[in-house]
Amino acid sequence: MSVAVPLAGTTALFAGVVWVVVALGARSSSRRAQHWYRSSMGVSTPPPTRVPDGWA
């Protein structure tokens, strides 16, 4: 038995969990972040009402 197979599986699982957490965090905070960024740049346009699916 090789150690590389379970190690690769664990790494892939960990990467998947991290990706889900990052994607959910970005989706929930994207409007707030865009609004803060635009207001800090002096632009008063409102952020989009929803983030298109597939955007992390």
PDB file of N, CA and C in Angstrom:
ATOM      1  N   MET A   1       0.841  -1.204   0.000  1.00  0.00           N
ATOM      2  CA  MET A   1       0.000   0.000   0.000  1.00  0.00           C
ATOM      3  C   MET A   1       0.874   1.251   0.000  1.00  0.00           C
ATOM      4  N   SER A   2       0.498   2.163  -0.837  1.00  0.00           N
ATOM      5  CA  SER A   2       1.248   3.421  -0.901  1.00  0.00           C
ATOM      6  C   SER A   2       0.583   4.467  -0.020  1.00  0.00           C
ATOM      7  N   VAL A   3       1.397   5.304   0.547  1.00  0.00           N
ATOM      8  CA  VAL A   3       0.871   6.366   1.411  1.00  0.00           C
ATOM      9  C   VAL A   3       0.359   7.533   0.574  1.00  0.00           C
ATOM     10  N   ALA A   4       0.786   7.613  -0.689  1.00  0.00           N
ATOM     11  CA  ALA A   4       0.431   8.764  -1.513  1.00  0.00           C
ATOM     12  C   ALA A   4      -1.061   8.820  -1.823  1.00  0.00           C
ATOM     13  N   VAL A   5      -1.712   7.667  -1.928  1.00  0.00           N
ATOM     14  CA  VAL A   5      -3.136   7.663  -2.299  1.00  0.00           C
ATOM     15  C   VAL A   5      -4.016   8.280  -1.207  1.00  0.00           C
ATOM     16  N   PRO A   6      -3.945   7.805   0.052  1.00  0.00           N
ATOM     17  CA  PRO A   6      -4.777   8.459   1.071  1.00  0.00           C
ATOM     18  C   PRO A   6      -4.360   9.908   1.318  1.00  0.00           C
ATOM     19  N   LEU A   7      -3.079  10.209   1.158  1.00  0.00           N
ATOM     20  CA  LEU A   7      -2.624  11.582   1.350  1.00  0.00           C
ATOM     21  C   LEU A   7      -3.229  12.499   0.288  1.00  0.00           C
ATOM     22  N   ALA A   8      -3.256  12.032  -0.952  1.00  0.00           N
ATOM     23  CA  ALA A   8      -3.860  12.823  -2.024  1.00  0.00           C
ATOM     24  C   ALA A   8      -5.363  12.996  -1.787  1.00  0.00           C
ATOM     25  N   GLY A   9      -6.018  11.958  -1.324  1.00  0.00           N
ATOM     26  CA  GLY A   9      -7.447  12.051  -1.043  1.00  0.00           C
ATOM     27  C   GLY A   9      -7.740  13.042   0.072  1.00  0.00           C
ATOM     28  N   THR A  10      -6.920  13.006   1.124  1.00  0.00           N
ATOM     29  CA  THR A  10      -7.105  13.936   2.239  1.00  0.00           C
ATOM     30  C   THR A  10      -6.867  15.367   1.783  1.00  0.00           C
ATOM     31  N   THR A  11      -5.833  15.557   0.956  1.00  0.00           N
ATOM     32  CA  THR A  11      -5.531  16.900   0.451  1.00  0.00           C
ATOM     33  C   THR A  11      -6.674  17.414  -0.418  1.00  0.00           C
ATOM     34  N   ALA A  12      -7.221  16.563  -1.274  1.00  0.00           N
ATOM     35  CA  ALA A  12      -8.330  16.971  -2.133  1.00  0.00           C
ATOM     36  C   ALA A  12      -9.566  17.309  -1.302  1.00  0.00           C
ATOM     37  N   LEU A  13      -9.835  16.511  -0.283  1.00  0.00           N
ATOM     38  CA  LEU A  13     -10.981  16.777   0.586  1.00  0.00           C
ATOM     39  C   LEU A  13     -10.806  18.102   1.319  1.00  0.00           C
ATOM     40  N   PHE A  14      -9.622  18.345   1.838  1.00  0.00           N
ATOM     41  CA  PHE A  14      -9.343  19.586   2.548  1.00  0.00           C
ATOM     42  C   PHE A  14      -9.485  20.782   1.605  1.00  0.00           C
ATOM     43  N   ALA A  15      -8.950  20.648   0.379  1.00  0.00           N
ATOM     44  CA  ALA A  15      -9.064  21.729  -0.604  1.00  0.00           C
ATOM     45  C   ALA A  15     -10.527  21.996  -0.941  1.00  0.00           C
ATOM     46  N   GLY A  16     -11.321  20.940  -1.050  1.00  0.00           N
ATOM     47  CA  GLY A  16     -12.745  21.111  -1.337  1.00  0.00           C
ATOM     48  C   GLY A  16     -13.469  21.843  -0.221  1.00  0.00           C
ATOM     49  N   VAL A  17     -13.158  21.498   1.025  1.00  0.00           N
ATOM     50  CA  VAL A  17     -13.784  22.166   2.165  1.00  0.00           C
ATOM     51  C   VAL A  17     -13.399  23.637   2.192  1.00  0.00           C
ATOM     52  N   VAL A  18     -12.115  23.920   1.964  1.00  0.00           N
ATOM     53  CA  VAL A  18     -11.651  25.308   1.956  1.00  0.00           C
ATOM     54  C   VAL A  18     -12.348  26.089   0.840  1.00  0.00           C
ATOM     55  N   TRP A  19     -12.472  25.472  -0.347  1.00  0.00           N
ATOM     56  CA  TRP A  19     -13.113  26.150  -1.473  1.00  0.00           C
ATOM     57  C   TRP A  19     -14.559  26.497  -1.154  1.00  0.00           C
ATOM     58  N   VAL A  20     -15.284  25.563  -0.530  1.00  0.00           N
ATOM     59  CA  VAL A  20     -16.691  25.815  -0.183  1.00  0.00           C
ATOM     60  C   VAL A  20     -16.800  26.966   0.817  1.00  0.00           C
ATOM     61  N   VAL A  21     -15.939  26.954   1.825  1.00  0.00           N
ATOM     62  CA  VAL A  21     -15.982  28.017   2.835  1.00  0.00           C
ATOM     63  C   VAL A  21     -15.681  29.369   2.205  1.00  0.00           C
ATOM     64  N   VAL A  22     -14.660  29.401   1.351  1.00  0.00           N
ATOM     65  CA  VAL A  22     -14.289  30.662   0.698  1.00  0.00           C
ATOM     66  C   VAL A  22     -15.409  31.130  -0.230  1.00  0.00           C
ATOM     67  N   ALA A  23     -15.990  30.202  -0.991  1.00  0.00           N
ATOM     68  CA  ALA A  23     -17.063  30.580  -1.923  1.00  0.00           C
ATOM     69  C   ALA A  23     -18.275  31.125  -1.172  1.00  0.00           C
ATOM     70  N   LEU A  24     -18.667  30.466  -0.080  1.00  0.00           N
ATOM     71  CA  LEU A  24     -19.817  30.941   0.694  1.00  0.00           C
ATOM     72  C   LEU A  24     -19.514  32.284   1.346  1.00  0.00           C
ATOM     73  N   GLY A  25     -18.320  32.434   1.863  1.00  0.00           N
ATOM     74  CA  GLY A  25     -17.943  33.700   2.484  1.00  0.00           C
ATOM     75  C   GLY A  25     -17.922  34.833   1.473  1.00  0.00           C
ATOM     76  N   ALA A  26     -17.412  34.564   0.290  1.00  0.00           N
ATOM     77  CA  ALA A  26     -17.359  35.595  -0.746  1.00  0.00           C
ATOM     78  C   ALA A  26     -18.761  35.960  -1.209  1.00  0.00           C
ATOM     79  N   ARG A  27     -19.625  34.968  -1.331  1.00  0.00           N
ATOM     80  CA  ARG A  27     -20.994  35.243  -1.786  1.00  0.00           C
ATOM     81  C   ARG A  27     -21.747  36.084  -0.769  1.00  0.00           C
ATOM     82  N   SER A  28     -21.586  35.781   0.515  1.00  0.00           N
ATOM     83  CA  SER A  28     -22.342  36.497   1.538  1.00  0.00           C
ATOM     84  C   SER A  28     -21.811  37.913   1.754  1.00  0.00           C
ATOM     85  N   SER A  29     -20.520  38.129   1.518  1.00  0.00           N
ATOM     86  CA  SER A  29     -19.931  39.434   1.813  1.00  0.00           C
ATOM     87  C   SER A  29     -19.610  40.241   0.562  1.00  0.00           C
ATOM     88  N   SER A  30     -19.939  39.705  -0.626  1.00  0.00           N
ATOM     89  CA  SER A  30     -19.524  40.375  -1.855  1.00  0.00           C
ATOM     90  C   SER A  30     -20.200  41.732  -2.013  1.00  0.00           C
ATOM     91  N   ARG A  31     -21.486  41.829  -1.689  1.00  0.00           N
ATOM     92  CA  ARG A  31     -22.189  43.104  -1.851  1.00  0.00           C
ATOM     93  C   ARG A  31     -21.621  44.146  -0.903  1.00  0.00           C
ATOM     94  N   ARG A  32     -21.364  43.744   0.325  1.00  0.00           N
ATOM     95  CA  ARG A  32     -20.802  44.671   1.308  1.00  0.00           C
ATOM     96  C   ARG A  32     -19.406  45.111   0.884  1.00  0.00           C
ATOM     97  N   ALA A  33     -18.618  44.160   0.377  1.00  0.00           N
ATOM     98  CA  ALA A  33     -17.261  44.486  -0.048  1.00  0.00           C
ATOM     99  C   ALA A  33     -17.277  45.409  -1.260  1.00  0.00           C
ATOM    100  N   GLN A  34     -18.152  45.148  -2.217  1.00  0.00           N
ATOM    101  CA  GLN A  34     -18.236  46.002  -3.401  1.00  0.00           C
ATOM    102  C   GLN A  34     -18.694  47.405  -3.011  1.00  0.00           C
ATOM    103  N   HIS A  35     -19.646  47.492  -2.110  1.00  0.00           N
ATOM    104  CA  HIS A  35     -20.135  48.799  -1.681  1.00  0.00           C
ATOM    105  C   HIS A  35     -19.023  49.571  -0.976  1.00  0.00           C
ATOM    106  N   TRP A  36     -18.279  48.892  -0.105  1.00  0.00           N
ATOM    107  CA  TRP A  36     -17.177  49.550   0.600  1.00  0.00           C
ATOM    108  C   TRP A  36     -16.109  49.995  -0.384  1.00  0.00           C
ATOM    109  N   TYR A  37     -15.795  49.132  -1.348  1.00  0.00           N
ATOM    110  CA  TYR A  37     -14.761  49.471  -2.321  1.00  0.00           C
ATOM    111  C   TYR A  37     -15.178  50.680  -3.146  1.00  0.00           C
ATOM    112  N   ARG A  38     -16.402  50.683  -3.625  1.00  0.00           N
ATOM    113  CA  ARG A  38     -16.858  51.791  -4.459  1.00  0.00           C
ATOM    114  C   ARG A  38     -16.959  53.083  -3.659  1.00  0.00           C
ATOM    115  N   SER A  39     -17.430  53.005  -2.434  1.00  0.00           N
ATOM    116  CA  SER A  39     -17.536  54.214  -1.622  1.00  0.00           C
ATOM    117  C   SER A  39     -16.146  54.741  -1.272  1.00  0.00           C
ATOM    118  N   SER A  40     -15.196  53.836  -1.079  1.00  0.00           N
ATOM    119  CA  SER A  40     -13.835  54.277  -0.778  1.00  0.00           C
ATOM    120  C   SER A  40     -13.175  54.907  -1.997  1.00  0.00           C
ATOM    121  N   MET A  41     -13.613  54.504  -3.199  1.00  0.00           N
ATOM    122  CA  MET A  41     -13.083  55.081  -4.420  1.00  0.00           C
ATOM    123  C   MET A  41     -13.853  56.337  -4.832  1.00  0.00           C
ATOM    124  N   GLY A  42     -14.897  56.676  -4.083  1.00  0.00           N
ATOM    125  CA  GLY A  42     -15.666  57.870  -4.387  1.00  0.00           C
ATOM    126  C   GLY A  42     -16.744  57.651  -5.428  1.00  0.00           C
ATOM    127  N   VAL A  43     -17.074  56.406  -5.708  1.00  0.00           N
ATOM    128  CA  VAL A  43     -18.122  56.097  -6.688  1.00  0.00           C
ATOM    129  C   VAL A  43     -19.393  55.780  -5.909  1.00  0.00           C
ATOM    130  N   SER A  44     -20.498  56.419  -6.297  1.00  0.00           N
ATOM    131  CA  SER A  44     -21.720  56.270  -5.525  1.00  0.00           C
ATOM    132  C   SER A  44     -22.717  55.313  -6.162  1.00  0.00           C
ATOM    133  N   THR A  45     -22.316  54.568  -7.198  1.00  0.00           N
ATOM    134  CA  THR A  45     -23.247  53.637  -7.823  1.00  0.00           C
ATOM    135  C   THR A  45     -23.504  52.467  -6.889  1.00  0.00           C
ATOM    136  N   PRO A  46     -24.734  52.000  -6.798  1.00  0.00           N
ATOM    137  CA  PRO A  46     -25.042  50.871  -5.918  1.00  0.00           C
ATOM    138  C   PRO A  46     -24.453  49.572  -6.463  1.00  0.00           C
ATOM    139  N   PRO A  47     -24.153  48.618  -5.587  1.00  0.00           N
ATOM    140  CA  PRO A  47     -23.638  47.330  -6.038  1.00  0.00           C
ATOM    141  C   PRO A  47     -24.724  46.536  -6.750  1.00  0.00           C
ATOM    142  N   PRO A  48     -24.348  45.550  -7.556  1.00  0.00           N
ATOM    143  CA  PRO A  48     -25.348  44.705  -8.211  1.00  0.00           C
ATOM    144  C   PRO A  48     -26.235  44.000  -7.185  1.00  0.00           C
ATOM    145  N   THR A  49     -27.458  43.719  -7.586  1.00  0.00           N
ATOM    146  CA  THR A  49     -28.394  43.129  -6.633  1.00  0.00           C
ATOM    147  C   THR A  49     -28.054  41.683  -6.322  1.00  0.00           C
ATOM    148  N   ARG A  50     -27.439  40.967  -7.254  1.00  0.00           N
ATOM    149  CA  ARG A  50     -27.052  39.586  -6.965  1.00  0.00           C
ATOM    150  C   ARG A  50     -25.763  39.249  -7.711  1.00  0.00           C
ATOM    151  N   VAL A  51     -25.016  38.316  -7.141  1.00  0.00           N
ATOM    152  CA  VAL A  51     -23.780  37.869  -7.766  1.00  0.00           C
ATOM    153  C   VAL A  51     -24.107  36.712  -8.709  1.00  0.00           C
ATOM    154  N   PRO A  52     -23.673  36.775  -9.968  1.00  0.00           N
ATOM    155  CA  PRO A  52     -23.956  35.664 -10.887  1.00  0.00           C
ATOM    156  C   PRO A  52     -23.390  34.355 -10.359  1.00  0.00           C
ATOM    157  N   ASP A  53     -24.104  33.272 -10.606  1.00  0.00           N
ATOM    158  CA  ASP A  53     -23.636  31.961 -10.160  1.00  0.00           C
ATOM    159  C   ASP A  53     -22.307  31.630 -10.817  1.00  0.00           C
ATOM    160  N   GLY A  54     -21.416  31.038 -10.055  1.00  0.00           N
ATOM    161  CA  GLY A  54     -20.110  30.679 -10.570  1.00  0.00           C
ATOM    162  C   GLY A  54     -19.033  31.667 -10.181  1.00  0.00           C
ATOM    163  N   TRP A  55     -19.448  32.828  -9.668  1.00  0.00           N
ATOM    164  CA  TRP A  55     -18.447  33.798  -9.189  1.00  0.00           C
ATOM    165  C   TRP A  55     -18.101  33.474  -7.754  1.00  0.00           C
ATOM    166  N   ALA A  56     -16.829  33.299  -7.493  1.00  0.00           N
ATOM    167  CA  ALA A  56     -16.417  32.973  -6.131  1.00  0.00           C
ATOM    168  C   ALA A  56     -16.277  34.262  -5.321  1.00  0.00           C
TER     169      ALA A  56
END
